Protein backbone atom coordinates (compact mmCIF):
# COMPACT_ATOMS: atom_id res chain seq x y z
CA MET A 1 -35.39 3.35 34.81
CA THR A 2 -33.99 -0.18 35.26
CA ARG A 3 -31.54 0.34 32.41
CA PHE A 4 -30.35 3.61 33.96
CA PHE A 5 -29.89 1.84 37.29
CA GLU A 6 -27.66 -0.82 35.73
CA LEU A 7 -25.72 1.78 33.79
CA PHE A 8 -25.24 3.91 36.93
CA VAL A 9 -23.99 0.98 39.02
CA GLY A 10 -21.73 -0.28 36.25
CA LEU A 11 -20.10 3.14 35.84
CA ARG A 12 -19.88 3.52 39.62
CA TYR A 13 -17.85 0.32 39.88
CA MET A 14 -15.26 1.78 37.49
CA ARG A 15 -14.20 4.32 40.11
CA ALA A 16 -11.92 3.42 43.02
CA ARG A 17 -12.90 3.54 46.70
CA ARG A 18 -10.87 2.58 49.72
CA ARG A 19 -9.59 -0.97 49.25
CA ASN A 20 -10.04 -1.42 45.50
CA HIS A 21 -7.45 1.05 44.21
CA PHE A 22 -5.48 -1.84 42.69
CA ILE A 23 -8.52 -2.96 40.72
CA SER A 24 -8.98 0.58 39.43
CA PHE A 25 -5.31 0.65 38.44
CA ILE A 26 -5.79 -2.58 36.46
CA SER A 27 -8.81 -1.00 34.74
CA VAL A 28 -6.75 2.03 33.73
CA THR A 29 -3.92 -0.13 32.40
CA SER A 30 -6.44 -2.17 30.40
CA LEU A 31 -7.87 1.02 28.91
CA VAL A 32 -4.41 2.39 28.10
CA GLY A 33 -3.34 -0.97 26.63
CA ILE A 34 -6.32 -1.03 24.28
CA ALA A 35 -5.69 2.59 23.28
CA LEU A 36 -2.02 1.93 22.54
CA GLY A 37 -2.84 -1.19 20.55
CA VAL A 38 -5.48 0.58 18.45
CA MET A 39 -3.18 3.59 17.92
CA ALA A 40 -0.27 1.37 16.83
CA LEU A 41 -2.51 -0.67 14.55
CA ILE A 42 -3.98 2.37 12.77
CA THR A 43 -0.57 4.01 12.40
CA VAL A 44 1.16 0.91 11.02
CA LEU A 45 -1.65 0.22 8.55
CA SER A 46 -1.53 3.84 7.40
CA VAL A 47 2.23 3.68 6.87
CA MET A 48 1.87 0.41 4.95
CA ASN A 49 -0.85 2.01 2.83
CA GLY A 50 1.54 4.90 2.18
CA PHE A 51 4.32 2.57 1.08
CA GLN A 52 1.95 0.61 -1.14
CA ARG A 53 0.56 3.75 -2.78
CA THR A 54 4.02 5.25 -3.28
CA LEU A 55 5.41 2.08 -4.85
CA ARG A 56 2.32 1.67 -6.99
CA ASP A 57 2.58 5.25 -8.24
CA ARG A 58 6.25 4.79 -9.08
CA ILE A 59 5.58 1.55 -10.95
CA LEU A 60 2.64 3.07 -12.82
CA GLY A 61 4.85 6.04 -13.66
CA VAL A 62 6.76 3.69 -15.98
CA ILE A 63 4.30 1.01 -17.02
CA SER A 64 0.81 1.79 -18.29
CA ASP A 65 -2.54 1.25 -16.64
CA VAL A 66 -3.62 -1.04 -19.52
CA THR A 67 -1.47 -2.42 -22.35
CA ILE A 68 -2.66 -3.77 -25.68
CA SER A 69 -0.02 -5.82 -27.51
CA GLY A 70 -0.02 -7.81 -30.71
CA PRO A 71 1.23 -11.37 -31.28
CA ARG A 72 5.01 -11.58 -30.82
CA HIS A 73 4.97 -7.83 -30.09
CA HIS A 74 3.92 -6.89 -33.62
CA MET A 75 0.73 -4.90 -34.18
CA ALA A 76 -0.16 -3.50 -37.60
CA HIS A 77 -3.67 -2.34 -36.71
CA TRP A 78 -2.61 -0.29 -33.70
CA LYS A 79 -4.38 2.88 -34.87
CA SER A 80 -7.78 1.17 -34.97
CA ALA A 81 -7.08 -0.48 -31.61
CA ALA A 82 -6.21 2.92 -30.12
CA ARG A 83 -9.43 4.41 -31.48
CA VAL A 84 -11.48 1.61 -29.92
CA ALA A 85 -9.65 2.04 -26.61
CA VAL A 86 -10.07 5.80 -26.23
CA LYS A 87 -13.82 5.46 -26.79
CA GLN A 88 -14.13 3.41 -23.60
CA LYS A 89 -15.33 5.15 -20.47
CA GLY A 90 -12.47 6.21 -18.22
CA VAL A 91 -9.69 5.96 -20.84
CA LEU A 92 -7.87 9.29 -21.01
CA ALA A 93 -5.12 8.69 -23.56
CA ALA A 94 -3.42 6.08 -25.75
CA ALA A 95 0.14 5.95 -27.07
CA PRO A 96 1.93 3.41 -29.30
CA TYR A 97 5.24 1.87 -28.32
CA VAL A 98 7.92 -0.44 -29.66
CA ARG A 99 9.54 -2.94 -27.33
CA GLY A 100 12.93 -4.54 -27.84
CA GLU A 101 16.08 -5.72 -26.15
CA ALA A 102 19.63 -4.63 -26.80
CA LEU A 103 23.17 -4.49 -25.47
CA LEU A 104 24.40 -0.98 -24.71
CA VAL A 105 28.14 -0.33 -24.89
CA HIS A 106 30.05 2.76 -23.77
CA GLY A 107 33.82 2.51 -23.81
CA ARG A 108 34.78 -0.71 -22.11
CA PHE A 109 31.50 -0.97 -20.18
CA SER A 110 28.37 -2.74 -21.38
CA SER A 111 24.93 -3.60 -20.03
CA GLY A 112 21.78 -5.24 -21.31
CA ALA A 113 18.67 -3.09 -21.41
CA LEU A 114 15.03 -3.06 -22.38
CA ILE A 115 14.54 -0.59 -25.22
CA ARG A 116 11.24 1.22 -25.53
CA GLY A 117 10.44 3.27 -28.59
CA VAL A 118 8.02 6.07 -27.76
CA VAL A 119 6.37 9.17 -29.21
CA PRO A 120 7.60 11.84 -26.73
CA ASP A 121 4.49 14.03 -26.93
CA LYS A 122 2.12 11.09 -26.45
CA GLU A 123 4.30 9.38 -23.85
CA LYS A 124 3.69 12.27 -21.45
CA ALA A 125 -0.02 11.43 -21.50
CA VAL A 126 0.39 7.77 -20.48
CA SER A 127 3.41 7.79 -18.12
CA ASP A 128 5.30 10.04 -15.70
CA ILE A 129 8.80 9.40 -17.04
CA ALA A 130 9.01 12.90 -18.53
CA SER A 131 8.54 14.42 -15.06
CA HIS A 132 11.32 12.19 -13.67
CA VAL A 133 13.97 13.19 -16.22
CA VAL A 134 16.70 14.70 -14.04
CA GLN A 135 19.05 15.64 -16.89
CA GLY A 136 18.09 16.66 -20.40
CA ARG A 137 14.54 16.36 -21.71
CA LEU A 138 12.37 13.63 -23.15
CA THR A 139 11.33 15.91 -26.02
CA ARG A 140 14.89 15.75 -27.37
CA LEU A 141 14.01 12.35 -28.80
CA ARG A 142 13.40 13.09 -32.47
CA PRO A 143 13.15 10.79 -35.51
CA GLY A 144 16.46 10.29 -37.27
CA ARG A 145 18.47 12.07 -34.54
CA PHE A 146 19.13 8.77 -32.75
CA GLY A 147 18.87 10.13 -29.24
CA ILE A 148 18.46 7.94 -26.17
CA VAL A 149 17.23 8.53 -22.61
CA LEU A 150 18.79 6.24 -20.01
CA GLY A 151 17.80 5.26 -16.52
CA ARG A 152 19.98 6.69 -13.77
CA TYR A 153 21.68 3.46 -12.72
CA LEU A 154 21.95 2.25 -16.32
CA ALA A 155 23.87 5.43 -17.18
CA TRP A 156 26.02 5.00 -14.06
CA ARG A 157 26.77 1.38 -14.97
CA LEU A 158 27.84 2.42 -18.47
CA GLY A 159 29.73 5.46 -17.24
CA ALA A 160 27.66 7.60 -19.62
CA THR A 161 26.65 11.20 -19.06
CA LEU A 162 24.53 13.71 -20.92
CA GLY A 163 25.95 14.05 -24.42
CA SER A 164 27.84 10.73 -24.38
CA ARG A 165 27.69 8.34 -27.30
CA VAL A 166 26.55 4.78 -26.55
CA LEU A 167 26.60 1.91 -29.00
CA LEU A 168 23.38 -0.06 -29.26
CA VAL A 169 23.78 -3.67 -30.38
CA ALA A 170 20.43 -5.11 -31.49
CA PRO A 171 19.73 -8.84 -31.80
CA GLY A 172 19.33 -10.42 -35.22
CA GLY A 173 22.32 -9.36 -37.28
CA MET A 174 23.04 -9.77 -40.97
CA VAL A 175 24.88 -12.58 -42.76
CA THR A 176 27.39 -11.21 -45.28
CA PRO A 177 30.22 -12.75 -47.32
CA ALA A 178 32.52 -11.48 -44.58
CA GLY A 179 30.52 -13.38 -41.95
CA PHE A 180 27.83 -12.53 -39.41
CA LEU A 181 27.59 -8.83 -38.66
CA PRO A 182 25.56 -7.56 -35.71
CA ARG A 183 23.26 -4.57 -36.15
CA LEU A 184 24.91 -1.58 -34.52
CA ARG A 185 23.80 2.00 -34.10
CA SER A 186 25.37 4.86 -32.20
CA PHE A 187 23.00 6.86 -29.99
CA LYS A 188 23.56 10.14 -28.20
CA VAL A 189 22.43 10.40 -24.56
CA VAL A 190 19.90 13.24 -24.50
CA GLY A 191 18.38 12.55 -21.10
CA ILE A 192 18.67 10.61 -17.83
CA PHE A 193 15.63 9.72 -15.71
CA ASN A 194 15.22 8.55 -12.13
CA VAL A 195 11.83 7.07 -11.23
CA GLY A 196 13.01 5.58 -7.92
CA MET A 197 12.58 1.92 -8.93
CA TYR A 198 15.85 0.08 -9.49
CA GLU A 199 14.25 -2.34 -11.95
CA TYR A 200 13.58 0.52 -14.36
CA ASP A 201 16.41 2.89 -13.49
CA ALA A 202 18.95 0.15 -14.18
CA GLY A 203 17.38 -1.59 -17.17
CA LEU A 204 15.25 0.76 -19.27
CA ALA A 205 16.20 3.08 -22.13
CA LEU A 206 13.91 5.19 -24.30
CA ILE A 207 14.37 6.09 -27.97
CA ASP A 208 12.12 7.64 -30.59
CA ILE A 209 9.54 5.22 -31.99
CA LYS A 210 10.65 5.83 -35.61
CA ASP A 211 14.24 4.94 -34.71
CA ALA A 212 13.01 1.84 -32.88
CA GLN A 213 10.92 0.71 -35.86
CA ALA A 214 13.96 1.06 -38.15
CA LEU A 215 16.29 -0.60 -35.66
CA TYR A 216 14.07 -3.65 -35.13
CA ARG A 217 12.86 -3.81 -38.77
CA MET A 218 9.20 -3.36 -37.90
CA GLY A 219 8.25 -1.04 -40.77
CA SER A 220 5.13 0.84 -39.71
CA ASP A 221 4.15 -1.76 -37.08
CA VAL A 222 4.44 -1.23 -33.34
CA SER A 223 4.59 -3.59 -30.38
CA GLY A 224 1.36 -2.31 -28.87
CA VAL A 225 -0.62 0.55 -27.37
CA ARG A 226 -0.41 1.85 -23.82
CA LEU A 227 -3.47 3.39 -22.11
CA LYS A 228 -3.93 5.91 -19.32
CA LEU A 229 -7.08 5.67 -17.17
CA ALA A 230 -8.86 8.23 -15.04
CA ASN A 231 -9.20 5.65 -12.25
CA ILE A 232 -6.59 2.92 -12.06
CA ASP A 233 -8.88 0.77 -9.92
CA ARG A 234 -11.08 0.31 -13.02
CA ALA A 235 -8.19 -1.19 -15.01
CA PRO A 236 -9.43 -4.82 -14.72
CA GLU A 237 -12.90 -3.74 -15.89
CA VAL A 238 -11.48 -1.84 -18.88
CA ARG A 239 -9.27 -4.82 -19.71
CA ARG A 240 -12.26 -7.18 -19.78
CA VAL A 241 -14.27 -4.83 -22.00
CA LEU A 242 -11.41 -4.33 -24.48
CA SER A 243 -10.76 -8.07 -24.62
CA THR A 244 -14.25 -8.55 -26.06
CA LYS A 245 -14.00 -5.68 -28.57
CA LEU A 246 -10.52 -6.31 -29.97
CA PRO A 247 -9.36 -9.26 -32.09
CA SER A 248 -8.74 -12.43 -30.10
CA TYR A 249 -5.04 -12.50 -31.01
CA ASP A 250 -4.46 -9.16 -29.25
CA GLN A 251 -3.37 -9.44 -25.65
CA VAL A 252 -4.85 -6.96 -23.17
CA ARG A 253 -3.21 -6.70 -19.74
CA ASP A 254 -3.64 -4.26 -16.86
CA TRP A 255 -1.19 -3.03 -14.24
CA SER A 256 -2.37 -5.48 -11.57
CA GLN A 257 -1.38 -8.40 -13.82
CA GLU A 258 2.01 -6.95 -14.72
CA HIS A 259 3.15 -7.05 -11.06
CA ALA A 260 0.59 -9.46 -9.61
CA ASN A 261 3.02 -11.20 -7.24
CA PHE A 262 4.37 -7.92 -5.91
CA PHE A 263 0.99 -6.41 -5.07
CA ARG A 264 -0.27 -9.72 -3.71
CA ALA A 265 2.74 -9.87 -1.38
CA LEU A 266 2.01 -6.34 -0.13
CA LYS A 267 -1.60 -7.28 0.56
CA ILE A 268 -0.61 -10.44 2.44
CA GLU A 269 1.97 -8.51 4.45
CA LYS A 270 -0.62 -5.94 5.46
CA THR A 271 -3.05 -8.67 6.54
CA VAL A 272 -0.38 -10.42 8.60
CA MET A 273 0.63 -7.15 10.28
CA PHE A 274 -3.03 -6.48 11.11
CA VAL A 275 -3.36 -9.87 12.81
CA ILE A 276 -0.05 -9.55 14.69
CA LEU A 277 -0.75 -6.06 16.00
CA LEU A 278 -4.30 -7.03 16.89
CA LEU A 279 -2.72 -9.35 19.48
CA ILE A 280 -1.74 -6.21 21.43
CA VAL A 281 -5.42 -5.35 21.71
CA ALA A 282 -6.14 -8.98 22.65
CA VAL A 283 -3.66 -8.82 25.55
CA ALA A 284 -5.34 -5.66 26.81
CA ALA A 285 -8.73 -7.35 26.47
CA PHE A 286 -7.52 -10.23 28.63
CA ASN A 287 -6.64 -7.62 31.25
CA ILE A 288 -10.33 -6.69 31.25
CA VAL A 289 -11.12 -10.31 32.15
CA ALA A 290 -8.71 -10.16 35.09
CA THR A 291 -10.12 -6.80 36.16
CA LEU A 292 -13.74 -7.93 36.15
CA VAL A 293 -12.97 -11.23 37.88
CA MET A 294 -11.34 -9.29 40.73
CA VAL A 295 -14.24 -6.83 40.78
CA VAL A 296 -16.77 -9.66 40.98
CA THR A 297 -14.82 -11.23 43.86
CA ASP A 298 -14.56 -7.87 45.63
CA LYS A 299 -18.23 -7.03 45.10
CA ARG A 300 -19.77 -10.35 46.09
CA ALA A 301 -21.49 -8.78 49.07
CA ASP A 302 -22.76 -5.87 47.00
CA ILE A 303 -24.10 -8.31 44.40
CA ALA A 304 -25.88 -10.27 47.10
CA ILE A 305 -27.47 -7.11 48.52
CA LEU A 306 -28.62 -6.05 45.06
CA ARG A 307 -30.15 -9.47 44.55
CA THR A 308 -32.03 -9.32 47.87
CA LEU A 309 -33.34 -5.87 46.91
CA GLY A 310 -34.86 -7.37 43.76
CA ALA A 311 -32.17 -7.13 41.11
CA SER A 312 -32.43 -10.03 38.69
CA PRO A 313 -29.43 -12.10 37.45
CA ALA A 314 -29.87 -10.38 34.08
CA SER A 315 -29.46 -6.99 35.77
CA ILE A 316 -26.26 -8.13 37.48
CA LEU A 317 -25.02 -9.43 34.12
CA VAL A 318 -25.70 -6.06 32.45
CA ILE A 319 -23.98 -4.13 35.27
CA PHE A 320 -20.67 -5.90 34.74
CA LEU A 321 -21.07 -5.92 30.96
CA VAL A 322 -21.39 -2.14 31.19
CA GLN A 323 -18.22 -1.85 33.21
CA GLY A 324 -16.08 -3.96 30.87
CA THR A 325 -17.65 -2.56 27.73
CA MET A 326 -17.00 1.01 28.85
CA ILE A 327 -13.32 0.22 29.39
CA GLY A 328 -13.11 -1.20 25.88
CA LEU A 329 -15.16 1.65 24.38
CA PHE A 330 -13.13 4.43 25.97
CA GLY A 331 -9.87 2.69 25.14
CA THR A 332 -10.93 2.18 21.52
CA LEU A 333 -12.07 5.80 21.10
CA LEU A 334 -8.87 7.13 22.67
CA GLY A 335 -6.77 4.87 20.44
CA VAL A 336 -8.69 5.86 17.30
CA VAL A 337 -8.22 9.57 17.98
CA ALA A 338 -4.51 9.14 18.78
CA GLY A 339 -3.96 6.82 15.79
CA VAL A 340 -5.68 9.16 13.34
CA LEU A 341 -3.74 12.19 14.60
CA LEU A 342 -0.45 10.28 14.47
CA SER A 343 -1.15 8.89 10.98
CA LEU A 344 -2.00 12.33 9.62
CA ASN A 345 1.21 13.82 11.05
CA VAL A 346 3.74 11.03 10.45
CA THR A 347 5.51 13.05 7.76
CA THR A 348 6.00 15.87 10.31
CA ILE A 349 6.75 13.86 13.45
CA VAL A 350 9.33 11.50 11.92
CA PRO A 351 11.60 14.29 10.54
CA PHE A 352 11.41 15.99 13.96
CA ILE A 353 12.52 12.78 15.72
CA GLU A 354 15.30 12.33 13.17
CA HIS A 355 16.48 15.89 13.79
CA VAL A 356 16.42 15.51 17.57
CA PHE A 357 18.30 12.18 17.64
CA HIS A 358 20.52 12.98 14.62
CA THR A 359 19.55 9.84 12.73
CA HIS A 360 17.76 8.88 9.52
CA PHE A 361 15.39 5.94 9.47
CA LEU A 362 15.32 5.48 5.67
CA SER A 363 18.62 6.46 4.15
CA ALA A 364 18.36 7.61 0.53
CA SER A 365 21.58 5.71 -0.25
CA VAL A 366 19.95 2.41 0.77
CA TYR A 367 16.20 2.75 0.26
CA TYR A 368 14.32 4.03 -2.77
CA ILE A 369 11.77 5.69 -0.49
CA SER A 370 13.70 8.01 1.83
CA GLU A 371 10.64 9.47 3.58
CA LEU A 372 8.11 7.60 5.68
CA PRO A 373 4.80 7.87 3.77
CA SER A 374 1.36 7.61 5.34
CA HIS A 375 -2.06 7.18 3.80
CA LEU A 376 -4.98 7.01 6.23
CA ARG A 377 -7.90 4.90 5.04
CA TRP A 378 -11.09 5.32 7.06
CA GLN A 379 -12.08 1.79 6.12
CA ASP A 380 -9.06 0.49 8.05
CA VAL A 381 -9.92 2.74 11.01
CA LEU A 382 -13.45 1.33 11.08
CA HIS A 383 -12.20 -2.27 10.91
CA VAL A 384 -9.72 -1.69 13.74
CA ALA A 385 -12.32 0.03 15.94
CA ILE A 386 -14.90 -2.73 15.41
CA ALA A 387 -12.36 -5.50 16.07
CA SER A 388 -11.14 -3.79 19.24
CA PHE A 389 -14.64 -3.16 20.59
CA LEU A 390 -15.79 -6.72 19.87
CA MET A 391 -12.76 -8.22 21.61
CA SER A 392 -13.33 -5.97 24.61
CA PHE A 393 -17.02 -6.89 24.77
CA LEU A 394 -16.34 -10.62 24.50
CA ALA A 395 -13.78 -10.33 27.31
CA THR A 396 -16.54 -9.10 29.68
CA VAL A 397 -18.98 -11.94 29.04
CA TYR A 398 -17.47 -14.61 31.31
CA PRO A 399 -16.84 -12.40 34.40
CA ALA A 400 -20.33 -10.87 34.04
CA TRP A 401 -21.84 -14.35 33.74
CA ARG A 402 -20.05 -15.41 36.94
CA ALA A 403 -21.39 -12.34 38.72
CA ALA A 404 -24.95 -13.17 37.60
CA LYS A 405 -24.57 -16.71 39.02
CA THR A 406 -23.68 -15.41 42.51
CA GLN A 407 -26.07 -16.73 45.17
CA PRO A 408 -27.02 -14.16 47.87
CA ALA A 409 -27.00 -16.67 50.73
CA GLU A 410 -23.50 -17.95 49.95
CA ALA A 411 -22.13 -14.45 49.40
CA LEU A 412 -23.48 -13.15 52.76
CA ARG A 413 -22.70 -16.23 54.82
CA TYR A 414 -19.44 -14.90 56.23
CA GLU A 415 -20.30 -11.17 56.15
């Protein structure tokens, strides 16, 4: 019954009567401030998760989840390495590749590029490039036909279109009596892809693996084997297992190592944004301190009467803890609901705002992601809710402690 009494009084003090309308207004603004802070925090974290997932998917659409490469990009035993890899749990497919560099020339335009020799049928199993070919098809790469698939911006830089002939100049020419002759080969553009990452769209070209082996004088060797996993989060684990089962001179790398700095920067940025936006909740929590201090001052006589009726200092402490905690709890719950709803409907709300105000937040001509993505993670929601509630609770401790220290005789002296 004592607990219900403290809860009843604490909730009763949250409502306004006569002279304390201003205090009630401060309580409402504190609640709304916490709700807005929690909503903004959940929404921003969800959008950042969406950007991170979108960029990760686009990067992994070109690179592989795990890559096995030989010394100096030469691997003769790639078939046995592929067999060992596909036997591992979670490995879906394996495909060989040849890696090289070249100068591409079309007319009077030229550009350096990374050349990747692939097996078109197997490449579909380890990457998404085939689904991003906007002109032509990846399957048009056939041995001896000397076809090439260019990235969108690489083709634009060369002025090449579907069906154009580009001259590929490979390093390591031949010395003849007439002098040094570079190794040249004419390739026909049979496809153009656009994965949405400038690094690859402007610097990657695909050719058939047989043509690449002949061009770079590799015989039957390849540069390595690319793997596709069922769960990309297990890539480091698969890498460690393969490192122990393959020869020590083979290098095994996973996608998190290929772009370690990039993904680390995204993680740091998300952490910093969490701390910055949490300050909004902190400001609202400080409003709870101001609210409860004014309530304690306004209710000094009531506190004294409760003490004379037998209420202990601990009961007075709990009464004001209830009041402040309820403000933080209701604000957090309201913010969580609003933040979840907003995060789940960002892709609908943003286009509506753009249509109403005739603007576009992420122009496709400037940004590679033209739509605002959102990916709600319940783990982030839980962290935000706990942080908000704890800050609200801590903000009530000092005012409640002051209320518990109120002496009845001093409070009623001038009443």
